[in-house]
Every structure is written in structure tokens, then in C-alpha cells.
């Protein structure tokens, strides 16, 4: 797993939509701050991550830059938002 921060030139909506269609992507969020979009991806290995970055994500013409944060260890992940 990795989190990728993207800087986008122009409208972020179409870029977010294109990312959401990629099978490796399981989370896309528009943000305020250092990045325009944050994308969580799950890849089989480092080579697949490189292919995803170079051949798909960075190939989008609106993507100006990316910064990738590879997960070394997942300490906690919950999916119970809005539940009690």
C-alpha cells in the first residue's frame, strides 16, 4: 500500500474521476494544503507501483507532481465512520 499526494493544474474533478477508475486505487480525496489530491493505492509489488505511477498517474496531463508515501507497517485502519 502507498499514499500518493498529487499536485494538479486546473480542475481537480476530472483527475479525481480518472484516478477512481484505476483498479489499484481504493481511496481518492480532494484536499486543502500541500496536495490537491490524496490517493491510496494497493499494488502487488514495487514494479507494479512504478508502472502505476509512470504509466497511468503521471501520464494524466493535469498532474504536475506526485509524492509517494509507501506504507511500511499499518498500525490501525478502521471502516466504521458514522457508526456507533
PDB file of N, CA and C in Angstrom:
ATOM      1  N   UNK A   1       0.838  -1.178   0.000  1.00  0.00           N
ATOM      2  CA  UNK A   1       0.000   0.000   0.000  1.00  0.00           C
ATOM      3  C   UNK A   1       0.876   1.232   0.000  1.00  0.00           C
ATOM      4  N   UNK A   2       0.322   2.299  -0.589  1.00  0.00           N
ATOM      5  CA  UNK A   2       1.021   3.579  -0.595  1.00  0.00           C
ATOM      6  C   UNK A   2      -0.017   4.688  -0.672  1.00  0.00           C
ATOM      7  N   UNK A   3       0.346   5.844  -0.127  1.00  0.00           N
ATOM      8  CA  UNK A   3      -0.448   7.059  -0.269  1.00  0.00           C
ATOM      9  C   UNK A   3       0.328   7.957  -1.216  1.00  0.00           C
ATOM     10  N   UNK A   4      -0.381   8.524  -2.193  1.00  0.00           N
ATOM     11  CA  UNK A   4       0.254   9.389  -3.174  1.00  0.00           C
ATOM     12  C   UNK A   4      -0.408  10.753  -3.098  1.00  0.00           C
ATOM     13  N   UNK A   5       0.403  11.790  -2.870  1.00  0.00           N
ATOM     14  CA  UNK A   5      -0.076  13.157  -2.902  1.00  0.00           C
ATOM     15  C   UNK A   5       0.158  13.720  -4.286  1.00  0.00           C
ATOM     16  N   UNK A   6      -0.885  14.339  -4.863  1.00  0.00           N
ATOM     17  CA  UNK A   6      -0.780  14.888  -6.214  1.00  0.00           C
ATOM     18  C   UNK A   6      -1.018  16.386  -6.211  1.00  0.00           C
ATOM     19  N   UNK A   7      -0.231  17.087  -7.017  1.00  0.00           N
ATOM     20  CA  UNK A   7      -0.485  18.485  -7.333  1.00  0.00           C
ATOM     21  C   UNK A   7      -1.024  18.511  -8.757  1.00  0.00           C
ATOM     22  N   UNK A   8      -2.138  19.223  -8.933  1.00  0.00           N
ATOM     23  CA  UNK A   8      -2.862  19.212 -10.201  1.00  0.00           C
ATOM     24  C   UNK A   8      -2.965  20.630 -10.739  1.00  0.00           C
ATOM     25  N   UNK A   9      -2.849  20.771 -12.046  1.00  0.00           N
ATOM     26  CA  UNK A   9      -3.055  22.055 -12.709  1.00  0.00           C
ATOM     27  C   UNK A   9      -4.474  22.092 -13.254  1.00  0.00           C
ATOM     28  N   UNK A  10      -5.277  23.019 -12.752  1.00  0.00           N
ATOM     29  CA  UNK A  10      -6.653  23.147 -13.234  1.00  0.00           C
ATOM     30  C   UNK A  10      -7.651  22.406 -12.367  1.00  0.00           C
ATOM     31  N   UNK A  11      -8.748  22.007 -12.988  1.00  0.00           N
ATOM     32  CA  UNK A  11      -9.864  21.364 -12.298  1.00  0.00           C
ATOM     33  C   UNK A  11      -9.459  19.988 -11.776  1.00  0.00           C
ATOM     34  N   UNK A  12      -9.628  19.784 -10.489  1.00  0.00           N
ATOM     35  CA  UNK A  12      -9.241  18.512  -9.873  1.00  0.00           C
ATOM     36  C   UNK A  12     -10.265  17.412 -10.110  1.00  0.00           C
ATOM     37  N   UNK A  13     -11.513  17.778 -10.388  1.00  0.00           N
ATOM     38  CA  UNK A  13     -12.587  16.795 -10.543  1.00  0.00           C
ATOM     39  C   UNK A  13     -12.317  15.721 -11.580  1.00  0.00           C
ATOM     40  N   UNK A  14     -11.980  16.091 -12.815  1.00  0.00           N
ATOM     41  CA  UNK A  14     -11.713  15.061 -13.824  1.00  0.00           C
ATOM     42  C   UNK A  14     -10.521  14.165 -13.478  1.00  0.00           C
ATOM     43  N   UNK A  15      -9.510  14.730 -12.824  1.00  0.00           N
ATOM     44  CA  UNK A  15      -8.355  13.924 -12.416  1.00  0.00           C
ATOM     45  C   UNK A  15      -8.786  12.932 -11.342  1.00  0.00           C
ATOM     46  N   UNK A  16      -9.555  13.402 -10.360  1.00  0.00           N
ATOM     47  CA  UNK A  16     -10.052  12.513  -9.307  1.00  0.00           C
ATOM     48  C   UNK A  16     -10.900  11.394  -9.907  1.00  0.00           C
ATOM     49  N   UNK A  17     -11.732  11.727 -10.878  1.00  0.00           N
ATOM     50  CA  UNK A  17     -12.567  10.718 -11.531  1.00  0.00           C
ATOM     51  C   UNK A  17     -11.723   9.686 -12.274  1.00  0.00           C
ATOM     52  N   UNK A  18     -10.687  10.140 -12.978  1.00  0.00           N
ATOM     53  CA  UNK A  18      -9.804   9.221 -13.704  1.00  0.00           C
ATOM     54  C   UNK A  18      -9.061   8.299 -12.743  1.00  0.00           C
ATOM     55  N   UNK A  19      -8.604   8.847 -11.629  1.00  0.00           N
ATOM     56  CA  UNK A  19      -7.913   8.030 -10.626  1.00  0.00           C
ATOM     57  C   UNK A  19      -8.845   6.999 -10.020  1.00  0.00           C
ATOM     58  N   UNK A  20     -10.081   7.398  -9.749  1.00  0.00           N
ATOM     59  CA  UNK A  20     -11.056   6.494  -9.126  1.00  0.00           C
ATOM     60  C   UNK A  20     -11.381   5.302 -10.016  1.00  0.00           C
ATOM     61  N   UNK A  21     -11.152   5.421 -11.308  1.00  0.00           N
ATOM     62  CA  UNK A  21     -11.413   4.314 -12.244  1.00  0.00           C
ATOM     63  C   UNK A  21     -10.275   3.291 -12.284  1.00  0.00           C
ATOM     64  N   UNK A  22      -9.129   3.625 -11.737  1.00  0.00           N
ATOM     65  CA  UNK A  22      -7.981   2.709 -11.773  1.00  0.00           C
ATOM     66  C   UNK A  22      -8.174   1.610 -10.739  1.00  0.00           C
ATOM     67  N   UNK A  23      -8.024   0.349 -11.128  1.00  0.00           N
ATOM     68  CA  UNK A  23      -8.297  -0.759 -10.199  1.00  0.00           C
ATOM     69  C   UNK A  23      -7.404  -0.781  -8.955  1.00  0.00           C
ATOM     70  N   UNK A  24      -6.201  -0.243  -9.041  1.00  0.00           N
ATOM     71  CA  UNK A  24      -5.284  -0.250  -7.891  1.00  0.00           C
ATOM     72  C   UNK A  24      -5.648   0.803  -6.850  1.00  0.00           C
ATOM     73  N   UNK A  25      -6.480   1.760  -7.222  1.00  0.00           N
ATOM     74  CA  UNK A  25      -6.820   2.884  -6.352  1.00  0.00           C
ATOM     75  C   UNK A  25      -8.028   2.519  -5.500  1.00  0.00           C
ATOM     76  N   UNK A  26      -7.884   2.657  -4.171  1.00  0.00           N
ATOM     77  CA  UNK A  26      -9.028   2.358  -3.304  1.00  0.00           C
ATOM     78  C   UNK A  26      -9.513   3.571  -2.513  1.00  0.00           C
ATOM     79  N   UNK A  27      -8.901   4.742  -2.733  1.00  0.00           N
ATOM     80  CA  UNK A  27      -9.269   5.931  -1.956  1.00  0.00           C
ATOM     81  C   UNK A  27      -8.788   7.151  -2.716  1.00  0.00           C
ATOM     82  N   UNK A  28      -9.675   8.100  -2.962  1.00  0.00           N
ATOM     83  CA  UNK A  28      -9.320   9.363  -3.603  1.00  0.00           C
ATOM     84  C   UNK A  28     -10.024  10.470  -2.839  1.00  0.00           C
ATOM     85  N   UNK A  29      -9.276  11.491  -2.445  1.00  0.00           N
ATOM     86  CA  UNK A  29      -9.877  12.606  -1.711  1.00  0.00           C
ATOM     87  C   UNK A  29      -9.255  13.919  -2.184  1.00  0.00           C
ATOM     88  N   UNK A  30     -10.109  14.925  -2.357  1.00  0.00           N
ATOM     89  CA  UNK A  30      -9.645  16.275  -2.644  1.00  0.00           C
ATOM     90  C   UNK A  30      -9.278  16.926  -1.324  1.00  0.00           C
ATOM     91  N   UNK A  31      -8.132  17.595  -1.273  1.00  0.00           N
ATOM     92  CA  UNK A  31      -7.648  18.148  -0.016  1.00  0.00           C
ATOM     93  C   UNK A  31      -7.298  19.632  -0.155  1.00  0.00           C
ATOM     94  N   UNK A  32      -7.136  20.257   0.979  1.00  0.00           N
ATOM     95  CA  UNK A  32      -6.589  21.614   1.053  1.00  0.00           C
ATOM     96  C   UNK A  32      -5.221  21.486   1.720  1.00  0.00           C
ATOM     97  N   UNK A  33      -4.267  22.195   1.239  1.00  0.00           N
ATOM     98  CA  UNK A  33      -2.937  22.107   1.845  1.00  0.00           C
ATOM     99  C   UNK A  33      -1.880  21.859   0.801  1.00  0.00           C
ATOM    100  N   UNK A  34      -0.890  21.063   1.138  1.00  0.00           N
ATOM    101  CA  UNK A  34       0.264  20.828   0.270  1.00  0.00           C
ATOM    102  C   UNK A  34      -0.090  20.086  -1.015  1.00  0.00           C
ATOM    103  N   UNK A  35      -1.130  19.255  -0.973  1.00  0.00           N
ATOM    104  CA  UNK A  35      -1.529  18.475  -2.134  1.00  0.00           C
ATOM    105  C   UNK A  35      -2.964  18.817  -2.512  1.00  0.00           C
ATOM    106  N   UNK A  36      -3.271  18.649  -3.776  1.00  0.00           N
ATOM    107  CA  UNK A  36      -4.646  18.831  -4.250  1.00  0.00           C
ATOM    108  C   UNK A  36      -5.473  17.570  -4.060  1.00  0.00           C
ATOM    109  N   UNK A  37      -4.827  16.416  -4.254  1.00  0.00           N
ATOM    110  CA  UNK A  37      -5.500  15.124  -4.119  1.00  0.00           C
ATOM    111  C   UNK A  37      -4.616  14.173  -3.333  1.00  0.00           C
ATOM    112  N   UNK A  38      -5.231  13.302  -2.558  1.00  0.00           N
ATOM    113  CA  UNK A  38      -4.545  12.178  -1.930  1.00  0.00           C
ATOM    114  C   UNK A  38      -5.180  10.902  -2.462  1.00  0.00           C
ATOM    115  N   UNK A  39      -4.329   9.954  -2.813  1.00  0.00           N
ATOM    116  CA  UNK A  39      -4.784   8.707  -3.416  1.00  0.00           C
ATOM    117  C   UNK A  39      -4.109   7.550  -2.690  1.00  0.00           C
ATOM    118  N   UNK A  40      -4.903   6.611  -2.199  1.00  0.00           N
ATOM    119  CA  UNK A  40      -4.337   5.397  -1.612  1.00  0.00           C
ATOM    120  C   UNK A  40      -4.396   4.295  -2.655  1.00  0.00           C
ATOM    121  N   UNK A  41      -3.283   3.600  -2.821  1.00  0.00           N
ATOM    122  CA  UNK A  41      -3.207   2.531  -3.815  1.00  0.00           C
ATOM    123  C   UNK A  41      -2.733   1.237  -3.165  1.00  0.00           C
ATOM    124  N   UNK A  42      -3.119   0.134  -3.770  1.00  0.00           N
ATOM    125  CA  UNK A  42      -2.648  -1.188  -3.363  1.00  0.00           C
ATOM    126  C   UNK A  42      -2.064  -1.847  -4.600  1.00  0.00           C
ATOM    127  N   UNK A  43      -0.763  -2.127  -4.537  1.00  0.00           N
ATOM    128  CA  UNK A  43      -0.068  -2.746  -5.663  1.00  0.00           C
ATOM    129  C   UNK A  43       0.562  -4.054  -5.202  1.00  0.00           C
ATOM    130  N   UNK A  44       0.736  -4.956  -6.140  1.00  0.00           N
ATOM    131  CA  UNK A  44       1.295  -6.276  -5.850  1.00  0.00           C
ATOM    132  C   UNK A  44       2.755  -6.186  -5.407  1.00  0.00           C
ATOM    133  N   UNK A  45       3.516  -5.254  -6.009  1.00  0.00           N
ATOM    134  CA  UNK A  45       4.939  -5.128  -5.697  1.00  0.00           C
ATOM    135  C   UNK A  45       5.440  -3.755  -6.143  1.00  0.00           C
ATOM    136  N   UNK A  46       6.716  -3.493  -5.917  1.00  0.00           N
ATOM    137  CA  UNK A  46       7.302  -2.192  -6.253  1.00  0.00           C
ATOM    138  C   UNK A  46       7.253  -1.908  -7.753  1.00  0.00           C
ATOM    139  N   UNK A  47       7.458  -2.923  -8.565  1.00  0.00           N
ATOM    140  CA  UNK A  47       7.412  -2.721 -10.016  1.00  0.00           C
ATOM    141  C   UNK A  47       6.019  -2.293 -10.465  1.00  0.00           C
ATOM    142  N   UNK A  48       4.987  -2.901  -9.881  1.00  0.00           N
ATOM    143  CA  UNK A  48       3.617  -2.519 -10.218  1.00  0.00           C
ATOM    144  C   UNK A  48       3.322  -1.091  -9.774  1.00  0.00           C
ATOM    145  N   UNK A  49       3.857  -0.692  -8.621  1.00  0.00           N
ATOM    146  CA  UNK A  49       3.692   0.686  -8.158  1.00  0.00           C
ATOM    147  C   UNK A  49       4.368   1.659  -9.124  1.00  0.00           C
ATOM    148  N   UNK A  50       5.571   1.329  -9.563  1.00  0.00           N
ATOM    149  CA  UNK A  50       6.273   2.188 -10.526  1.00  0.00           C
ATOM    150  C   UNK A  50       5.488   2.309 -11.832  1.00  0.00           C
ATOM    151  N   UNK A  51       4.951   1.199 -12.312  1.00  0.00           N
ATOM    152  CA  UNK A  51       4.150   1.232 -13.541  1.00  0.00           C
ATOM    153  C   UNK A  51       2.906   2.095 -13.361  1.00  0.00           C
ATOM    154  N   UNK A  52       2.239   1.934 -12.228  1.00  0.00           N
ATOM    155  CA  UNK A  52       1.047   2.732 -11.951  1.00  0.00           C
ATOM    156  C   UNK A  52       1.395   4.220 -11.941  1.00  0.00           C
ATOM    157  N   UNK A  53       2.469   4.579 -11.257  1.00  0.00           N
ATOM    158  CA  UNK A  53       2.882   5.979 -11.192  1.00  0.00           C
ATOM    159  C   UNK A  53       3.259   6.529 -12.559  1.00  0.00           C
ATOM    160  N   UNK A  54       4.121   5.825 -13.269  1.00  0.00           N
ATOM    161  CA  UNK A  54       4.668   6.350 -14.523  1.00  0.00           C
ATOM    162  C   UNK A  54       3.726   6.226 -15.712  1.00  0.00           C
ATOM    163  N   UNK A  55       3.028   5.109 -15.805  1.00  0.00           N
ATOM    164  CA  UNK A  55       2.213   4.838 -16.990  1.00  0.00           C
ATOM    165  C   UNK A  55       0.778   5.343 -16.882  1.00  0.00           C
ATOM    166  N   UNK A  56       0.280   5.524 -15.659  1.00  0.00           N
ATOM    167  CA  UNK A  56      -1.111   5.918 -15.511  1.00  0.00           C
ATOM    168  C   UNK A  56      -1.281   7.274 -14.807  1.00  0.00           C
ATOM    169  N   UNK A  57      -0.739   7.397 -13.602  1.00  0.00           N
ATOM    170  CA  UNK A  57      -0.992   8.602 -12.819  1.00  0.00           C
ATOM    171  C   UNK A  57      -0.241   9.800 -13.381  1.00  0.00           C
ATOM    172  N   UNK A  58       1.064   9.684 -13.558  1.00  0.00           N
ATOM    173  CA  UNK A  58       1.853  10.807 -14.082  1.00  0.00           C
ATOM    174  C   UNK A  58       1.574  11.073 -15.555  1.00  0.00           C
ATOM    175  N   UNK A  59       0.944  10.124 -16.225  1.00  0.00           N
ATOM    176  CA  UNK A  59       0.582  10.302 -17.637  1.00  0.00           C
ATOM    177  C   UNK A  59      -0.625  11.218 -17.807  1.00  0.00           C
ATOM    178  N   UNK A  60      -1.387  11.442 -16.743  1.00  0.00           N
ATOM    179  CA  UNK A  60      -2.526  12.360 -16.825  1.00  0.00           C
ATOM    180  C   UNK A  60      -1.977  13.770 -17.038  1.00  0.00           C
ATOM    181  N   UNK A  61      -2.403  14.470 -18.083  1.00  0.00           N
ATOM    182  CA  UNK A  61      -1.781  15.758 -18.423  1.00  0.00           C
ATOM    183  C   UNK A  61      -1.920  16.828 -17.342  1.00  0.00           C
ATOM    184  N   UNK A  62      -2.934  16.753 -16.490  1.00  0.00           N
ATOM    185  CA  UNK A  62      -3.138  17.768 -15.453  1.00  0.00           C
ATOM    186  C   UNK A  62      -2.265  17.549 -14.213  1.00  0.00           C
ATOM    187  N   UNK A  63      -1.652  16.373 -14.103  1.00  0.00           N
ATOM    188  CA  UNK A  63      -0.824  16.066 -12.933  1.00  0.00           C
ATOM    189  C   UNK A  63       0.520  16.764 -13.077  1.00  0.00           C
ATOM    190  N   UNK A  64       0.798  17.676 -12.145  1.00  0.00           N
ATOM    191  CA  UNK A  64       2.036  18.453 -12.158  1.00  0.00           C
ATOM    192  C   UNK A  64       3.142  17.716 -11.412  1.00  0.00           C
ATOM    193  N   UNK A  65       2.801  17.136 -10.245  1.00  0.00           N
ATOM    194  CA  UNK A  65       3.801  16.422  -9.455  1.00  0.00           C
ATOM    195  C   UNK A  65       3.111  15.413  -8.548  1.00  0.00           C
ATOM    196  N   UNK A  66       3.904  14.449  -8.103  1.00  0.00           N
ATOM    197  CA  UNK A  66       3.421  13.448  -7.147  1.00  0.00           C
ATOM    198  C   UNK A  66       4.470  13.261  -6.055  1.00  0.00           C
ATOM    199  N   UNK A  67       4.001  12.847  -4.898  1.00  0.00           N
ATOM    200  CA  UNK A  67       4.893  12.421  -3.817  1.00  0.00           C
ATOM    201  C   UNK A  67       4.294  11.151  -3.231  1.00  0.00           C
ATOM    202  N   UNK A  68       5.096  10.102  -3.180  1.00  0.00           N
ATOM    203  CA  UNK A  68       4.611   8.790  -2.777  1.00  0.00           C
ATOM    204  C   UNK A  68       5.111   8.434  -1.383  1.00  0.00           C
ATOM    205  N   UNK A  69       4.187   7.969  -0.568  1.00  0.00           N
ATOM    206  CA  UNK A  69       4.492   7.529   0.797  1.00  0.00           C
ATOM    207  C   UNK A  69       4.163   6.042   0.885  1.00  0.00           C
ATOM    208  N   UNK A  70       5.185   5.198   0.835  1.00  0.00           N
ATOM    209  CA  UNK A  70       4.986   3.752   0.891  1.00  0.00           C
ATOM    210  C   UNK A  70       4.750   3.340   2.336  1.00  0.00           C
ATOM    211  N   UNK A  71       3.729   2.538   2.555  1.00  0.00           N
ATOM    212  CA  UNK A  71       3.408   2.066   3.911  1.00  0.00           C
ATOM    213  C   UNK A  71       4.404   0.977   4.313  1.00  0.00           C
ATOM    214  N   UNK A  72       5.087   1.189   5.416  1.00  0.00           N
ATOM    215  CA  UNK A  72       5.988   0.170   5.943  1.00  0.00           C
ATOM    216  C   UNK A  72       5.261  -0.777   6.881  1.00  0.00           C
ATOM    217  N   UNK A  73       4.329  -0.226   7.664  1.00  0.00           N
ATOM    218  CA  UNK A  73       3.542  -1.042   8.586  1.00  0.00           C
ATOM    219  C   UNK A  73       2.230  -0.318   8.849  1.00  0.00           C
ATOM    220  N   UNK A  74       1.140  -1.037   8.746  1.00  0.00           N
ATOM    221  CA  UNK A  74      -0.176  -0.482   9.027  1.00  0.00           C
ATOM    222  C   UNK A  74      -0.520  -0.790  10.479  1.00  0.00           C
ATOM    223  N   UNK A  75      -0.629   0.236  11.294  1.00  0.00           N
ATOM    224  CA  UNK A  75      -0.882   0.047  12.718  1.00  0.00           C
ATOM    225  C   UNK A  75      -2.362  -0.018  13.054  1.00  0.00           C
ATOM    226  N   UNK A  76      -3.173   0.714  12.298  1.00  0.00           N
ATOM    227  CA  UNK A  76      -4.611   0.699  12.566  1.00  0.00           C
ATOM    228  C   UNK A  76      -5.346   1.246  11.352  1.00  0.00           C
ATOM    229  N   UNK A  77      -6.456   0.577  11.022  1.00  0.00           N
ATOM    230  CA  UNK A  77      -7.301   1.056   9.931  1.00  0.00           C
ATOM    231  C   UNK A  77      -8.732   0.639  10.262  1.00  0.00           C
ATOM    232  N   UNK A  78      -9.604   1.613  10.354  1.00  0.00           N
ATOM    233  CA  UNK A  78     -10.996   1.352  10.686  1.00  0.00           C
ATOM    234  C   UNK A  78     -11.898   1.761   9.535  1.00  0.00           C
ATOM    235  N   UNK A  79     -13.015   1.097   9.410  1.00  0.00           N
ATOM    236  CA  UNK A  79     -14.028   1.436   8.402  1.00  0.00           C
ATOM    237  C   UNK A  79     -15.381   1.565   9.060  1.00  0.00           C
ATOM    238  N   UNK A  80     -15.439   2.242  10.189  1.00  0.00           N
ATOM    239  CA  UNK A  80     -16.712   2.349  10.918  1.00  0.00           C
ATOM    240  C   UNK A  80     -17.173   3.796  11.042  1.00  0.00           C
ATOM    241  N   UNK A  81     -16.856   4.630  10.035  1.00  0.00           N
ATOM    242  CA  UNK A  81     -17.278   6.024  10.063  1.00  0.00           C
ATOM    243  C   UNK A  81     -18.784   6.106  10.094  1.00  0.00           C
ATOM    244  N   UNK A  82     -19.309   6.946  10.982  1.00  0.00           N
ATOM    245  CA  UNK A  82     -20.748   7.153  11.048  1.00  0.00           C
ATOM    246  C   UNK A  82     -21.511   6.077  11.768  1.00  0.00           C
ATOM    247  N   UNK A  83     -20.810   5.110  12.357  1.00  0.00           N
ATOM    248  CA  UNK A  83     -21.485   4.070  13.133  1.00  0.00           C
ATOM    249  C   UNK A  83     -21.189   4.269  14.599  1.00  0.00           C
ATOM    250  N   UNK A  84     -21.982   3.689  15.425  1.00  0.00           N
ATOM    251  CA  UNK A  84     -21.766   3.814  16.868  1.00  0.00           C
ATOM    252  C   UNK A  84     -21.400   2.501  17.488  1.00  0.00           C
TER     253      UNK A  84
END
